[in-house]
Amino acid sequence: MKVLLGTLGISVLALQYPLWMGDGSVRALNLLEKKLDEQHRVNADLQARNRLLEIEVLDLKTGVEAVEERARSELGMIGSDETFVLIIE
């Protein structure tokens, strides 16, 4: 009887090991769920950035104000009816 119970106990442990420690185990599933949640956060951030870039591209294609603003801030350009004043401290 002891041998039968011992064998049964060992076989239960042998069957439980892959469930908790092997490939496709509960632990591996938890790690994959954490990675999936992180990837969802990264994707949401990238989608928000893409929306902003799409709005900016559309504005640059259709609006003159955005092009003028870019030329002023990034290239230092001035309009033909404007006076440039440089103050040196």
PDB file of N, CA and C in Angstrom:
ATOM      1  N   MET A   1       0.818  -1.190   0.000  1.00  0.00           N
ATOM      2  CA  MET A   1       0.000   0.000   0.000  1.00  0.00           C
ATOM      3  C   MET A   1       0.867   1.260   0.000  1.00  0.00           C
ATOM      4  N   LYS A   2       1.950   1.247   0.792  1.00  0.00           N
ATOM      5  CA  LYS A   2       2.840   2.406   0.838  1.00  0.00           C
ATOM      6  C   LYS A   2       3.519   2.631  -0.515  1.00  0.00           C
ATOM      7  N   VAL A   3       3.845   1.557  -1.175  1.00  0.00           N
ATOM      8  CA  VAL A   3       4.491   1.672  -2.479  1.00  0.00           C
ATOM      9  C   VAL A   3       3.518   2.284  -3.486  1.00  0.00           C
ATOM     10  N   LEU A   4       2.256   1.878  -3.436  1.00  0.00           N
ATOM     11  CA  LEU A   4       1.239   2.412  -4.338  1.00  0.00           C
ATOM     12  C   LEU A   4       1.023   3.897  -4.089  1.00  0.00           C
ATOM     13  N   LEU A   5       0.915   4.310  -2.832  1.00  0.00           N
ATOM     14  CA  LEU A   5       0.742   5.730  -2.500  1.00  0.00           C
ATOM     15  C   LEU A   5       1.982   6.542  -2.878  1.00  0.00           C
ATOM     16  N   GLY A   6       3.149   5.982  -2.674  1.00  0.00           N
ATOM     17  CA  GLY A   6       4.391   6.653  -3.058  1.00  0.00           C
ATOM     18  C   GLY A   6       4.469   6.855  -4.562  1.00  0.00           C
ATOM     19  N   THR A   7       4.122   5.813  -5.299  1.00  0.00           N
ATOM     20  CA  THR A   7       4.132   5.895  -6.757  1.00  0.00           C
ATOM     21  C   THR A   7       3.098   6.905  -7.244  1.00  0.00           C
ATOM     22  N   LEU A   8       1.934   6.886  -6.643  1.00  0.00           N
ATOM     23  CA  LEU A   8       0.881   7.834  -6.995  1.00  0.00           C
ATOM     24  C   LEU A   8       1.314   9.267  -6.688  1.00  0.00           C
ATOM     25  N   GLY A   9       1.942   9.491  -5.548  1.00  0.00           N
ATOM     26  CA  GLY A   9       2.429  10.829  -5.177  1.00  0.00           C
ATOM     27  C   GLY A   9       3.498  11.328  -6.139  1.00  0.00           C
ATOM     28  N   ILE A  10       4.433  10.457  -6.497  1.00  0.00           N
ATOM     29  CA  ILE A  10       5.492  10.837  -7.437  1.00  0.00           C
ATOM     30  C   ILE A  10       4.910  11.139  -8.807  1.00  0.00           C
ATOM     31  N   SER A  11       3.927  10.358  -9.254  1.00  0.00           N
ATOM     32  CA  SER A  11       3.334  10.603 -10.568  1.00  0.00           C
ATOM     33  C   SER A  11       2.547  11.916 -10.585  1.00  0.00           C
ATOM     34  N   VAL A  12       1.884  12.256  -9.478  1.00  0.00           N
ATOM     35  CA  VAL A  12       1.178  13.539  -9.392  1.00  0.00           C
ATOM     36  C   VAL A  12       2.182  14.684  -9.457  1.00  0.00           C
ATOM     37  N   LEU A  13       3.270  14.572  -8.733  1.00  0.00           N
ATOM     38  CA  LEU A  13       4.310  15.603  -8.780  1.00  0.00           C
ATOM     39  C   LEU A  13       4.926  15.712 -10.174  1.00  0.00           C
ATOM     40  N   ALA A  14       5.136  14.581 -10.821  1.00  0.00           N
ATOM     41  CA  ALA A  14       5.710  14.584 -12.163  1.00  0.00           C
ATOM     42  C   ALA A  14       4.765  15.241 -13.162  1.00  0.00           C
ATOM     43  N   LEU A  15       3.477  15.072 -12.977  1.00  0.00           N
ATOM     44  CA  LEU A  15       2.499  15.698 -13.867  1.00  0.00           C
ATOM     45  C   LEU A  15       2.322  17.186 -13.565  1.00  0.00           C
ATOM     46  N   GLN A  16       2.523  17.599 -12.334  1.00  0.00           N
ATOM     47  CA  GLN A  16       2.378  19.006 -11.951  1.00  0.00           C
ATOM     48  C   GLN A  16       3.574  19.862 -12.357  1.00  0.00           C
ATOM     49  N   TYR A  17       4.746  19.263 -12.479  1.00  0.00           N
ATOM     50  CA  TYR A  17       5.953  20.023 -12.796  1.00  0.00           C
ATOM     51  C   TYR A  17       5.834  20.814 -14.097  1.00  0.00           C
ATOM     52  N   PRO A  18       5.393  20.210 -15.204  1.00  0.00           N
ATOM     53  CA  PRO A  18       5.280  21.005 -16.449  1.00  0.00           C
ATOM     54  C   PRO A  18       4.257  22.131 -16.324  1.00  0.00           C
ATOM     55  N   LEU A  19       3.229  21.939 -15.523  1.00  0.00           N
ATOM     56  CA  LEU A  19       2.212  22.974 -15.355  1.00  0.00           C
ATOM     57  C   LEU A  19       2.787  24.223 -14.705  1.00  0.00           C
ATOM     58  N   TRP A  20       3.683  24.051 -13.755  1.00  0.00           N
ATOM     59  CA  TRP A  20       4.199  25.203 -13.007  1.00  0.00           C
ATOM     60  C   TRP A  20       5.579  25.659 -13.474  1.00  0.00           C
ATOM     61  N   MET A  21       6.399  24.780 -14.043  1.00  0.00           N
ATOM     62  CA  MET A  21       7.783  25.136 -14.348  1.00  0.00           C
ATOM     63  C   MET A  21       8.181  24.985 -15.812  1.00  0.00           C
ATOM     64  N   GLY A  22       7.506  24.204 -16.595  1.00  0.00           N
ATOM     65  CA  GLY A  22       7.938  23.910 -17.959  1.00  0.00           C
ATOM     66  C   GLY A  22       7.507  24.965 -18.969  1.00  0.00           C
ATOM     67  N   ASP A  23       7.679  24.634 -20.249  1.00  0.00           N
ATOM     68  CA  ASP A  23       7.225  25.520 -21.318  1.00  0.00           C
ATOM     69  C   ASP A  23       5.695  25.561 -21.309  1.00  0.00           C
ATOM     70  N   GLY A  24       5.148  26.738 -21.499  1.00  0.00           N
ATOM     71  CA  GLY A  24       3.700  26.888 -21.465  1.00  0.00           C
ATOM     72  C   GLY A  24       3.141  26.816 -20.058  1.00  0.00           C
ATOM     73  N   SER A  25       3.984  27.077 -19.075  1.00  0.00           N
ATOM     74  CA  SER A  25       3.554  26.976 -17.686  1.00  0.00           C
ATOM     75  C   SER A  25       2.834  28.252 -17.253  1.00  0.00           C
ATOM     76  N   VAL A  26       2.329  28.224 -16.069  1.00  0.00           N
ATOM     77  CA  VAL A  26       1.650  29.384 -15.493  1.00  0.00           C
ATOM     78  C   VAL A  26       2.631  30.542 -15.365  1.00  0.00           C
ATOM     79  N   ARG A  27       3.847  30.260 -14.977  1.00  0.00           N
ATOM     80  CA  ARG A  27       4.878  31.293 -14.836  1.00  0.00           C
ATOM     81  C   ARG A  27       5.185  31.940 -16.188  1.00  0.00           C
ATOM     82  N   ALA A  28       5.336  31.118 -17.222  1.00  0.00           N
ATOM     83  CA  ALA A  28       5.605  31.645 -18.554  1.00  0.00           C
ATOM     84  C   ALA A  28       4.432  32.477 -19.051  1.00  0.00           C
ATOM     85  N   LEU A  29       3.220  32.053 -18.751  1.00  0.00           N
ATOM     86  CA  LEU A  29       2.026  32.802 -19.141  1.00  0.00           C
ATOM     87  C   LEU A  29       2.001  34.169 -18.465  1.00  0.00           C
ATOM     88  N   ASN A  30       2.356  34.228 -17.187  1.00  0.00           N
ATOM     89  CA  ASN A  30       2.394  35.506 -16.476  1.00  0.00           C
ATOM     90  C   ASN A  30       3.444  36.446 -17.069  1.00  0.00           C
ATOM     91  N   LEU A  31       4.596  35.903 -17.417  1.00  0.00           N
ATOM     92  CA  LEU A  31       5.638  36.729 -18.035  1.00  0.00           C
ATOM     93  C   LEU A  31       5.180  37.271 -19.388  1.00  0.00           C
ATOM     94  N   LEU A  32       4.522  36.436 -20.178  1.00  0.00           N
ATOM     95  CA  LEU A  32       4.019  36.882 -21.478  1.00  0.00           C
ATOM     96  C   LEU A  32       2.929  37.939 -21.325  1.00  0.00           C
ATOM     97  N   GLU A  33       2.087  37.800 -20.306  1.00  0.00           N
ATOM     98  CA  GLU A  33       1.043  38.808 -20.073  1.00  0.00           C
ATOM     99  C   GLU A  33       1.660  40.147 -19.684  1.00  0.00           C
ATOM    100  N   LYS A  34       2.726  40.133 -18.892  1.00  0.00           N
ATOM    101  CA  LYS A  34       3.420  41.371 -18.535  1.00  0.00           C
ATOM    102  C   LYS A  34       4.027  42.023 -19.772  1.00  0.00           C
ATOM    103  N   LYS A  35       4.657  41.211 -20.630  1.00  0.00           N
ATOM    104  CA  LYS A  35       5.234  41.747 -21.865  1.00  0.00           C
ATOM    105  C   LYS A  35       4.146  42.315 -22.774  1.00  0.00           C
ATOM    106  N   LEU A  36       3.010  41.649 -22.822  1.00  0.00           N
ATOM    107  CA  LEU A  36       1.902  42.113 -23.651  1.00  0.00           C
ATOM    108  C   LEU A  36       1.356  43.440 -23.143  1.00  0.00           C
ATOM    109  N   ASP A  37       1.213  43.585 -21.829  1.00  0.00           N
ATOM    110  CA  ASP A  37       0.756  44.847 -21.255  1.00  0.00           C
ATOM    111  C   ASP A  37       1.736  45.978 -21.564  1.00  0.00           C
ATOM    112  N   GLU A  38       3.028  45.703 -21.444  1.00  0.00           N
ATOM    113  CA  GLU A  38       4.047  46.700 -21.758  1.00  0.00           C
ATOM    114  C   GLU A  38       3.982  47.101 -23.227  1.00  0.00           C
ATOM    115  N   GLN A  39       3.798  46.113 -24.104  1.00  0.00           N
ATOM    116  CA  GLN A  39       3.711  46.410 -25.530  1.00  0.00           C
ATOM    117  C   GLN A  39       2.464  47.227 -25.851  1.00  0.00           C
ATOM    118  N   HIS A  40       1.356  46.966 -25.150  1.00  0.00           N
ATOM    119  CA  HIS A  40       0.138  47.770 -25.337  1.00  0.00           C
ATOM    120  C   HIS A  40       0.399  49.227 -24.951  1.00  0.00           C
ATOM    121  N   ARG A  41       1.135  49.446 -23.867  1.00  0.00           N
ATOM    122  CA  ARG A  41       1.456  50.814 -23.453  1.00  0.00           C
ATOM    123  C   ARG A  41       2.348  51.501 -24.490  1.00  0.00           C
ATOM    124  N   VAL A  42       3.345  50.786 -24.980  1.00  0.00           N
ATOM    125  CA  VAL A  42       4.235  51.353 -25.999  1.00  0.00           C
ATOM    126  C   VAL A  42       3.441  51.684 -27.260  1.00  0.00           C
ATOM    127  N   ASN A  43       2.555  50.777 -27.670  1.00  0.00           N
ATOM    128  CA  ASN A  43       1.751  51.008 -28.862  1.00  0.00           C
ATOM    129  C   ASN A  43       0.837  52.213 -28.691  1.00  0.00           C
ATOM    130  N   ALA A  44       0.246  52.384 -27.518  1.00  0.00           N
ATOM    131  CA  ALA A  44      -0.624  53.535 -27.277  1.00  0.00           C
ATOM    132  C   ALA A  44       0.165  54.840 -27.366  1.00  0.00           C
ATOM    133  N   ASP A  45       1.367  54.846 -26.811  1.00  0.00           N
ATOM    134  CA  ASP A  45       2.213  56.044 -26.900  1.00  0.00           C
ATOM    135  C   ASP A  45       2.582  56.358 -28.347  1.00  0.00           C
ATOM    136  N   LEU A  46       2.929  55.325 -29.103  1.00  0.00           N
ATOM    137  CA  LEU A  46       3.295  55.529 -30.506  1.00  0.00           C
ATOM    138  C   LEU A  46       2.096  55.969 -31.341  1.00  0.00           C
ATOM    139  N   GLN A  47       0.927  55.460 -31.041  1.00  0.00           N
ATOM    140  CA  GLN A  47      -0.268  55.886 -31.770  1.00  0.00           C
ATOM    141  C   GLN A  47      -0.583  57.347 -31.488  1.00  0.00           C
ATOM    142  N   ALA A  48      -0.403  57.773 -30.244  1.00  0.00           N
ATOM    143  CA  ALA A  48      -0.629  59.184 -29.913  1.00  0.00           C
ATOM    144  C   ALA A  48       0.373  60.067 -30.646  1.00  0.00           C
ATOM    145  N   ARG A  49       1.634  59.654 -30.682  1.00  0.00           N
ATOM    146  CA  ARG A  49       2.652  60.416 -31.405  1.00  0.00           C
ATOM    147  C   ARG A  49       2.357  60.458 -32.898  1.00  0.00           C
ATOM    148  N   ASN A  50       1.910  59.343 -33.442  1.00  0.00           N
ATOM    149  CA  ASN A  50       1.572  59.296 -34.862  1.00  0.00           C
ATOM    150  C   ASN A  50       0.404  60.213 -35.192  1.00  0.00           C
ATOM    151  N   ARG A  51      -0.586  60.291 -34.292  1.00  0.00           N
ATOM    152  CA  ARG A  51      -1.720  61.201 -34.513  1.00  0.00           C
ATOM    153  C   ARG A  51      -1.241  62.645 -34.559  1.00  0.00           C
ATOM    154  N   LEU A  52      -0.346  63.005 -33.641  1.00  0.00           N
ATOM    155  CA  LEU A  52       0.182  64.368 -33.633  1.00  0.00           C
ATOM    156  C   LEU A  52       0.973  64.665 -34.899  1.00  0.00           C
ATOM    157  N   LEU A  53       1.783  63.711 -35.337  1.00  0.00           N
ATOM    158  CA  LEU A  53       2.550  63.905 -36.563  1.00  0.00           C
ATOM    159  C   LEU A  53       1.630  63.998 -37.787  1.00  0.00           C
ATOM    160  N   GLU A  54       0.576  63.222 -37.797  1.00  0.00           N
ATOM    161  CA  GLU A  54      -0.371  63.270 -38.909  1.00  0.00           C
ATOM    162  C   GLU A  54      -1.060  64.630 -38.986  1.00  0.00           C
ATOM    163  N   ILE A  55      -1.411  65.167 -37.829  1.00  0.00           N
ATOM    164  CA  ILE A  55      -2.025  66.496 -37.786  1.00  0.00           C
ATOM    165  C   ILE A  55      -1.040  67.546 -38.277  1.00  0.00           C
ATOM    166  N   GLU A  56       0.207  67.437 -37.850  1.00  0.00           N
ATOM    167  CA  GLU A  56       1.223  68.402 -38.270  1.00  0.00           C
ATOM    168  C   GLU A  56       1.484  68.323 -39.773  1.00  0.00           C
ATOM    169  N   VAL A  57       1.541  67.118 -40.323  1.00  0.00           N
ATOM    170  CA  VAL A  57       1.762  66.955 -41.761  1.00  0.00           C
ATOM    171  C   VAL A  57       0.587  67.538 -42.546  1.00  0.00           C
ATOM    172  N   LEU A  58      -0.619  67.273 -42.094  1.00  0.00           N
ATOM    173  CA  LEU A  58      -1.797  67.821 -42.759  1.00  0.00           C
ATOM    174  C   LEU A  58      -1.789  69.342 -42.710  1.00  0.00           C
ATOM    175  N   ASP A  59      -1.391  69.895 -41.570  1.00  0.00           N
ATOM    176  CA  ASP A  59      -1.319  71.350 -41.425  1.00  0.00           C
ATOM    177  C   ASP A  59      -0.256  71.934 -42.347  1.00  0.00           C
ATOM    178  N   LEU A  60       0.888  71.250 -42.456  1.00  0.00           N
ATOM    179  CA  LEU A  60       1.949  71.734 -43.343  1.00  0.00           C
ATOM    180  C   LEU A  60       1.541  71.648 -44.813  1.00  0.00           C
ATOM    181  N   LYS A  61       0.746  70.651 -45.170  1.00  0.00           N
ATOM    182  CA  LYS A  61       0.312  70.507 -46.555  1.00  0.00           C
ATOM    183  C   LYS A  61      -0.738  71.534 -46.943  1.00  0.00           C
ATOM    184  N   THR A  62      -1.609  71.893 -46.002  1.00  0.00           N
ATOM    185  CA  THR A  62      -2.734  72.747 -46.353  1.00  0.00           C
ATOM    186  C   THR A  62      -2.587  74.187 -45.887  1.00  0.00           C
ATOM    187  N   GLY A  63      -1.882  74.428 -44.806  1.00  0.00           N
ATOM    188  CA  GLY A  63      -1.835  75.767 -44.242  1.00  0.00           C
ATOM    189  C   GLY A  63      -0.531  76.482 -44.496  1.00  0.00           C
ATOM    190  N   VAL A  64      -0.629  77.780 -44.722  1.00  0.00           N
ATOM    191  CA  VAL A  64       0.556  78.608 -44.948  1.00  0.00           C
ATOM    192  C   VAL A  64       1.158  79.033 -43.603  1.00  0.00           C
ATOM    193  N   GLU A  65       0.323  79.193 -42.595  1.00  0.00           N
ATOM    194  CA  GLU A  65       0.795  79.663 -41.288  1.00  0.00           C
ATOM    195  C   GLU A  65       1.815  78.717 -40.677  1.00  0.00           C
ATOM    196  N   ALA A  66       1.581  77.436 -40.819  1.00  0.00           N
ATOM    197  CA  ALA A  66       2.501  76.463 -40.231  1.00  0.00           C
ATOM    198  C   ALA A  66       3.860  76.513 -40.929  1.00  0.00           C
ATOM    199  N   VAL A  67       3.843  76.711 -42.244  1.00  0.00           N
ATOM    200  CA  VAL A  67       5.105  76.795 -42.979  1.00  0.00           C
ATOM    201  C   VAL A  67       5.860  78.053 -42.568  1.00  0.00           C
ATOM    202  N   GLU A  68       5.148  79.172 -42.444  1.00  0.00           N
ATOM    203  CA  GLU A  68       5.791  80.418 -42.006  1.00  0.00           C
ATOM    204  C   GLU A  68       6.359  80.285 -40.600  1.00  0.00           C
ATOM    205  N   GLU A  69       5.607  79.662 -39.729  1.00  0.00           N
ATOM    206  CA  GLU A  69       6.074  79.476 -38.345  1.00  0.00           C
ATOM    207  C   GLU A  69       7.346  78.637 -38.318  1.00  0.00           C
ATOM    208  N   ARG A  70       7.373  77.556 -39.107  1.00  0.00           N
ATOM    209  CA  ARG A  70       8.569  76.717 -39.180  1.00  0.00           C
ATOM    210  C   ARG A  70       9.751  77.509 -39.730  1.00  0.00           C
ATOM    211  N   ALA A  71       9.517  78.302 -40.767  1.00  0.00           N
ATOM    212  CA  ALA A  71      10.600  79.077 -41.378  1.00  0.00           C
ATOM    213  C   ALA A  71      11.158  80.086 -40.388  1.00  0.00           C
ATOM    214  N   ARG A  72      10.299  80.690 -39.598  1.00  0.00           N
ATOM    215  CA  ARG A  72      10.752  81.677 -38.615  1.00  0.00           C
ATOM    216  C   ARG A  72      11.552  81.020 -37.495  1.00  0.00           C
ATOM    217  N   SER A  73      11.001  79.967 -36.927  1.00  0.00           N
ATOM    218  CA  SER A  73      11.628  79.378 -35.738  1.00  0.00           C
ATOM    219  C   SER A  73      12.874  78.557 -36.073  1.00  0.00           C
ATOM    220  N   GLU A  74      12.838  77.787 -37.153  1.00  0.00           N
ATOM    221  CA  GLU A  74      13.947  76.882 -37.432  1.00  0.00           C
ATOM    222  C   GLU A  74      14.991  77.467 -38.377  1.00  0.00           C
ATOM    223  N   LEU A  75      14.563  78.323 -39.300  1.00  0.00           N
ATOM    224  CA  LEU A  75      15.496  78.849 -40.293  1.00  0.00           C
ATOM    225  C   LEU A  75      15.844  80.310 -40.073  1.00  0.00           C
ATOM    226  N   GLY A  76      15.155  80.980 -39.153  1.00  0.00           N
ATOM    227  CA  GLY A  76      15.441  82.374 -38.860  1.00  0.00           C
ATOM    228  C   GLY A  76      15.014  83.327 -39.964  1.00  0.00           C
ATOM    229  N   MET A  77      14.034  82.952 -40.760  1.00  0.00           N
ATOM    230  CA  MET A  77      13.588  83.798 -41.864  1.00  0.00           C
ATOM    231  C   MET A  77      12.635  84.880 -41.351  1.00  0.00           C
ATOM    232  N   ILE A  78      12.587  85.993 -42.086  1.00  0.00           N
ATOM    233  CA  ILE A  78      11.661  87.077 -41.760  1.00  0.00           C
ATOM    234  C   ILE A  78      10.856  87.414 -43.010  1.00  0.00           C
ATOM    235  N   GLY A  79       9.684  88.019 -42.787  1.00  0.00           N
ATOM    236  CA  GLY A  79       8.828  88.403 -43.902  1.00  0.00           C
ATOM    237  C   GLY A  79       9.346  89.645 -44.604  1.00  0.00           C
ATOM    238  N   SER A  80       8.810  89.898 -45.800  1.00  0.00           N
ATOM    239  CA  SER A  80       9.279  91.043 -46.584  1.00  0.00           C
ATOM    240  C   SER A  80       8.834  92.375 -45.974  1.00  0.00           C
ATOM    241  N   ASP A  81       7.766  92.384 -45.224  1.00  0.00           N
ATOM    242  CA  ASP A  81       7.285  93.630 -44.612  1.00  0.00           C
ATOM    243  C   ASP A  81       7.702  93.753 -43.148  1.00  0.00           C
ATOM    244  N   GLU A  82       8.638  92.953 -42.703  1.00  0.00           N
ATOM    245  CA  GLU A  82       9.095  92.964 -41.316  1.00  0.00           C
ATOM    246  C   GLU A  82      10.510  93.518 -41.226  1.00  0.00           C
ATOM    247  N   THR A  83      10.834  94.025 -40.037  1.00  0.00           N
ATOM    248  CA  THR A  83      12.170  94.546 -39.765  1.00  0.00           C
ATOM    249  C   THR A  83      12.833  93.632 -38.744  1.00  0.00           C
ATOM    250  N   PHE A  84      14.045  93.225 -39.037  1.00  0.00           N
ATOM    251  CA  PHE A  84      14.798  92.355 -38.132  1.00  0.00           C
ATOM    252  C   PHE A  84      15.657  93.208 -37.231  1.00  0.00           C
ATOM    253  N   VAL A  85      15.518  92.981 -35.922  1.00  0.00           N
ATOM    254  CA  VAL A  85      16.317  93.712 -34.940  1.00  0.00           C
ATOM    255  C   VAL A  85      17.036  92.672 -34.091  1.00  0.00           C
ATOM    256  N   LEU A  86      18.365  92.814 -33.997  1.00  0.00           N
ATOM    257  CA  LEU A  86      19.183  91.940 -33.190  1.00  0.00           C
ATOM    258  C   LEU A  86      19.728  92.739 -32.026  1.00  0.00           C
ATOM    259  N   ILE A  87      19.397  92.311 -30.829  1.00  0.00           N
ATOM    260  CA  ILE A  87      19.859  93.007 -29.624  1.00  0.00           C
ATOM    261  C   ILE A  87      20.984  92.184 -29.011  1.00  0.00           C
ATOM    262  N   ILE A  88      22.144  92.799 -28.881  1.00  0.00           N
ATOM    263  CA  ILE A  88      23.310  92.130 -28.310  1.00  0.00           C
ATOM    264  C   ILE A  88      23.537  92.711 -26.904  1.00  0.00           C
ATOM    265  N   GLU A  89      23.611  91.851 -25.953  1.00  0.00           N
ATOM    266  CA  GLU A  89      23.790  92.306 -24.570  1.00  0.00           C
ATOM    267  C   GLU A  89      25.249  92.541 -24.262  1.00  0.00           C
TER     268      GLU A  89
END
